[in-house]
Amino acid sequence: MNIDPKLAALKDAVTEIEKFVAGDGWDAPIRVFAIVRAVPALESTPELAAELPADVAVDAITDPNTLFSVEQEGLPRANTLEELLAQLAWPDEVDGAAIVAERIIVPPSAEKDLPKDPQRALIALSEHPQREDVRMAVGYMRDGQSWCCVRTRSNDSDDMVASSPDAVPGLVAALKATFE
């Protein structure tokens, strides 16, 4: 498959982010990353090169598509993923963003009998025998490109991570909105 170099760079960045977060295990909070193009970042902040492994710095200088990700700390308080995303906005220097979140999925048949109370529904989902925990890492660039990685707890291995540009369309759209 021949992939556009910019999309390949985003794919690499989101894959690295997901793998990085996976290293911390499951049941983690939502994590957000700014994504910047490496060459302009190094031009505006040359001392950044000293903080990177040598192979990354060389690659960044020679490949204009290389991306750096920077985890965002001190996120605003939010009760839901949607509420958090509604509070995010990015300065012009940020070329893209990624978010990593975990969710529980169940077969559609399990959703029809859920309690109306959100807390009780979450407990019912958590205890459902066919539940599956998933970790979604979604990246979006200002130019409109996106990449998604999805890992399941039952297949928790780097070689079992599914990915595509549009695997999680709702999260792509929500992340896009943080740039509008």
Protein backbone atom coordinates (compact mmCIF):
# COMPACT_ATOMS: atom_id res chain seq x y z
CA MET A 1 0.00 0.00 0.00
CA ASN A 2 1.45 3.33 -1.08
CA ILE A 3 0.69 5.92 1.59
CA ASP A 4 1.09 9.70 1.41
CA PRO A 5 4.26 10.72 3.34
CA LYS A 6 2.34 13.16 5.58
CA LEU A 7 -0.22 10.49 6.45
CA ALA A 8 2.58 7.97 7.04
CA ALA A 9 4.16 10.41 9.50
CA LEU A 10 0.85 10.81 11.34
CA LYS A 11 0.38 7.04 11.37
CA ASP A 12 3.84 6.65 12.91
CA ALA A 13 3.17 9.36 15.50
CA VAL A 14 -0.20 7.95 16.61
CA THR A 15 1.20 4.41 16.67
CA GLU A 16 4.08 5.60 18.89
CA ILE A 17 1.68 7.47 21.17
CA GLU A 18 -0.56 4.42 21.57
CA LYS A 19 2.43 2.18 22.29
CA PHE A 20 3.79 4.71 24.80
CA VAL A 21 0.44 4.88 26.65
CA ALA A 22 0.07 1.07 26.49
CA GLY A 23 3.32 0.83 28.46
CA ASP A 24 1.45 2.25 31.45
CA GLY A 25 -1.19 -0.50 31.39
CA TRP A 26 -4.97 -0.39 31.40
CA ASP A 27 -7.54 1.59 33.37
CA ALA A 28 -5.75 4.84 32.62
CA PRO A 29 -7.11 8.38 32.41
CA ILE A 30 -7.60 10.22 29.14
CA ARG A 31 -4.33 11.54 27.75
CA VAL A 32 -3.87 14.36 25.24
CA PHE A 33 -0.88 15.15 23.04
CA ALA A 34 0.00 18.14 20.88
CA ILE A 35 1.58 17.19 17.56
CA VAL A 36 4.11 19.48 15.88
CA ARG A 37 6.17 19.22 12.72
CA ALA A 38 9.73 18.49 13.77
CA VAL A 39 11.63 20.76 11.38
CA PRO A 40 9.87 24.01 12.37
CA ALA A 41 9.99 22.97 16.04
CA LEU A 42 13.75 22.45 15.84
CA GLU A 43 14.21 25.70 13.92
CA SER A 44 12.33 27.72 16.54
CA THR A 45 13.78 25.80 19.50
CA PRO A 46 17.22 24.44 18.52
CA GLU A 47 17.96 23.27 22.07
CA LEU A 48 15.22 20.67 21.56
CA ALA A 49 17.69 18.61 19.49
CA ALA A 50 19.83 18.02 22.58
CA GLU A 51 16.85 16.42 24.36
CA LEU A 52 16.16 13.88 21.61
CA PRO A 53 17.90 10.60 20.83
CA ALA A 54 20.47 11.15 18.07
CA ASP A 55 18.53 9.14 15.46
CA VAL A 56 15.37 11.17 16.06
CA ALA A 57 17.15 14.51 15.72
CA VAL A 58 18.84 13.48 12.45
CA ASP A 59 15.58 12.13 11.07
CA ALA A 60 13.76 15.31 12.04
CA ILE A 61 16.25 17.48 10.24
CA THR A 62 16.19 15.46 7.00
CA ASP A 63 12.49 14.54 6.75
CA PRO A 64 10.05 17.48 6.67
CA ASN A 65 7.17 15.13 7.50
CA THR A 66 8.55 13.94 10.85
CA LEU A 67 6.26 14.75 13.77
CA PHE A 68 6.93 15.20 17.47
CA SER A 69 4.26 14.61 20.10
CA VAL A 70 4.14 16.44 23.41
CA GLU A 71 1.92 15.15 26.18
CA GLN A 72 -0.26 17.86 27.67
CA GLU A 73 -0.32 18.10 31.42
CA GLY A 74 -2.72 20.05 33.59
CA LEU A 75 -5.76 19.31 31.46
CA PRO A 76 -8.94 21.14 32.40
CA ARG A 77 -11.32 19.31 34.72
CA ALA A 78 -14.05 17.49 32.88
CA ASN A 79 -16.58 14.79 33.72
CA THR A 80 -16.67 13.35 30.21
CA LEU A 81 -14.45 13.04 27.17
CA GLU A 82 -16.82 15.32 25.27
CA GLU A 83 -16.62 17.97 27.99
CA LEU A 84 -12.80 17.82 27.95
CA LEU A 85 -12.60 18.16 24.17
CA ALA A 86 -15.00 21.11 24.24
CA GLN A 87 -12.48 22.95 26.44
CA LEU A 88 -9.44 22.36 24.22
CA ALA A 89 -8.05 24.82 21.68
CA TRP A 90 -4.64 24.85 20.05
CA PRO A 91 -2.25 27.71 19.21
CA ASP A 92 -1.12 28.11 15.61
CA GLU A 93 2.24 26.46 16.38
CA VAL A 94 0.47 23.15 17.02
CA ASP A 95 -0.04 21.23 13.78
CA GLY A 96 -2.23 18.50 15.20
CA ALA A 97 -3.34 16.67 18.31
CA ALA A 98 -3.93 13.18 19.58
CA ILE A 99 -6.12 11.81 22.31
CA VAL A 100 -6.00 8.41 23.96
CA ALA A 101 -9.07 7.10 25.78
CA GLU A 102 -10.37 3.76 26.98
CA ARG A 103 -13.92 2.58 26.54
CA ILE A 104 -16.02 -0.51 27.21
CA ILE A 105 -17.83 -2.03 24.27
CA VAL A 106 -20.53 -4.67 24.40
CA PRO A 107 -22.69 -6.34 21.75
CA PRO A 108 -25.63 -4.15 20.65
CA SER A 109 -28.04 -6.60 22.28
CA ALA A 110 -26.54 -5.80 25.70
CA GLU A 111 -27.24 -2.09 25.35
CA LYS A 112 -31.02 -2.42 25.05
CA ASP A 113 -31.47 -3.51 28.67
CA LEU A 114 -29.16 -0.98 30.34
CA PRO A 115 -30.43 0.98 33.34
CA LYS A 116 -31.34 4.61 32.61
CA ASP A 117 -29.11 5.87 35.43
CA PRO A 118 -25.60 6.47 33.96
CA GLN A 119 -23.76 5.13 37.04
CA ARG A 120 -25.83 1.94 37.12
CA ALA A 121 -25.44 1.55 33.35
CA LEU A 122 -21.65 1.78 33.70
CA ILE A 123 -21.69 -0.90 36.40
CA ALA A 124 -23.85 -3.14 34.20
CA LEU A 125 -21.49 -2.65 31.25
CA SER A 126 -18.45 -3.32 33.42
CA GLU A 127 -19.93 -6.59 34.63
CA HIS A 128 -21.26 -7.78 31.28
CA PRO A 129 -19.74 -11.19 30.31
CA GLN A 130 -19.21 -10.07 26.69
CA ARG A 131 -17.61 -6.74 27.49
CA GLU A 132 -14.43 -5.74 25.72
CA ASP A 133 -12.10 -3.00 26.88
CA VAL A 134 -10.61 -0.93 24.08
CA ARG A 135 -7.97 1.78 24.00
CA MET A 136 -8.37 4.27 21.18
CA ALA A 137 -5.58 6.59 20.09
CA VAL A 138 -6.75 9.16 17.57
CA GLY A 139 -4.64 11.81 15.86
CA TYR A 140 -5.84 14.71 13.75
CA MET A 141 -3.83 17.27 11.77
CA ARG A 142 -4.93 20.79 10.80
CA ASP A 143 -4.69 19.76 7.15
CA GLY A 144 -7.56 17.30 7.72
CA GLN A 145 -5.64 14.03 7.92
CA SER A 146 -6.37 11.61 10.73
CA TRP A 147 -5.13 8.29 12.02
CA CYS A 148 -6.61 5.93 14.59
CA CYS A 149 -5.20 2.98 16.53
CA VAL A 150 -7.40 0.60 18.52
CA ARG A 151 -6.11 -2.00 20.99
CA THR A 152 -8.28 -4.46 22.89
CA ARG A 153 -7.45 -5.77 26.33
CA SER A 154 -8.11 -9.33 25.14
CA ASN A 155 -5.47 -8.92 22.40
CA ASP A 156 -3.07 -6.69 24.28
CA SER A 157 -0.07 -6.91 21.98
CA ASP A 158 1.63 -4.30 19.77
CA ASP A 159 1.18 -6.52 16.71
CA MET A 160 -2.58 -6.80 17.35
CA VAL A 161 -3.35 -3.07 17.25
CA ALA A 162 -5.81 -2.23 14.48
CA SER A 163 -5.35 1.05 12.66
CA SER A 164 -6.77 3.14 9.85
CA PRO A 165 -7.46 6.79 9.06
CA ASP A 166 -11.10 6.55 10.14
CA ALA A 167 -11.52 3.70 12.63
CA VAL A 168 -13.05 6.02 15.26
CA PRO A 169 -14.95 8.67 13.25
CA GLY A 170 -16.67 10.26 16.24
CA LEU A 171 -13.39 10.92 18.01
CA VAL A 172 -11.81 12.21 14.78
CA ALA A 173 -14.68 14.70 14.41
CA ALA A 174 -14.45 15.77 18.06
CA LEU A 175 -10.68 16.27 17.81
CA LYS A 176 -11.13 18.22 14.57
CA ALA A 177 -13.51 20.56 16.41
CA THR A 178 -10.69 21.55 18.79
CA PHE A 179 -9.00 23.25 15.81
CA GLU A 180 -12.06 25.20 14.63
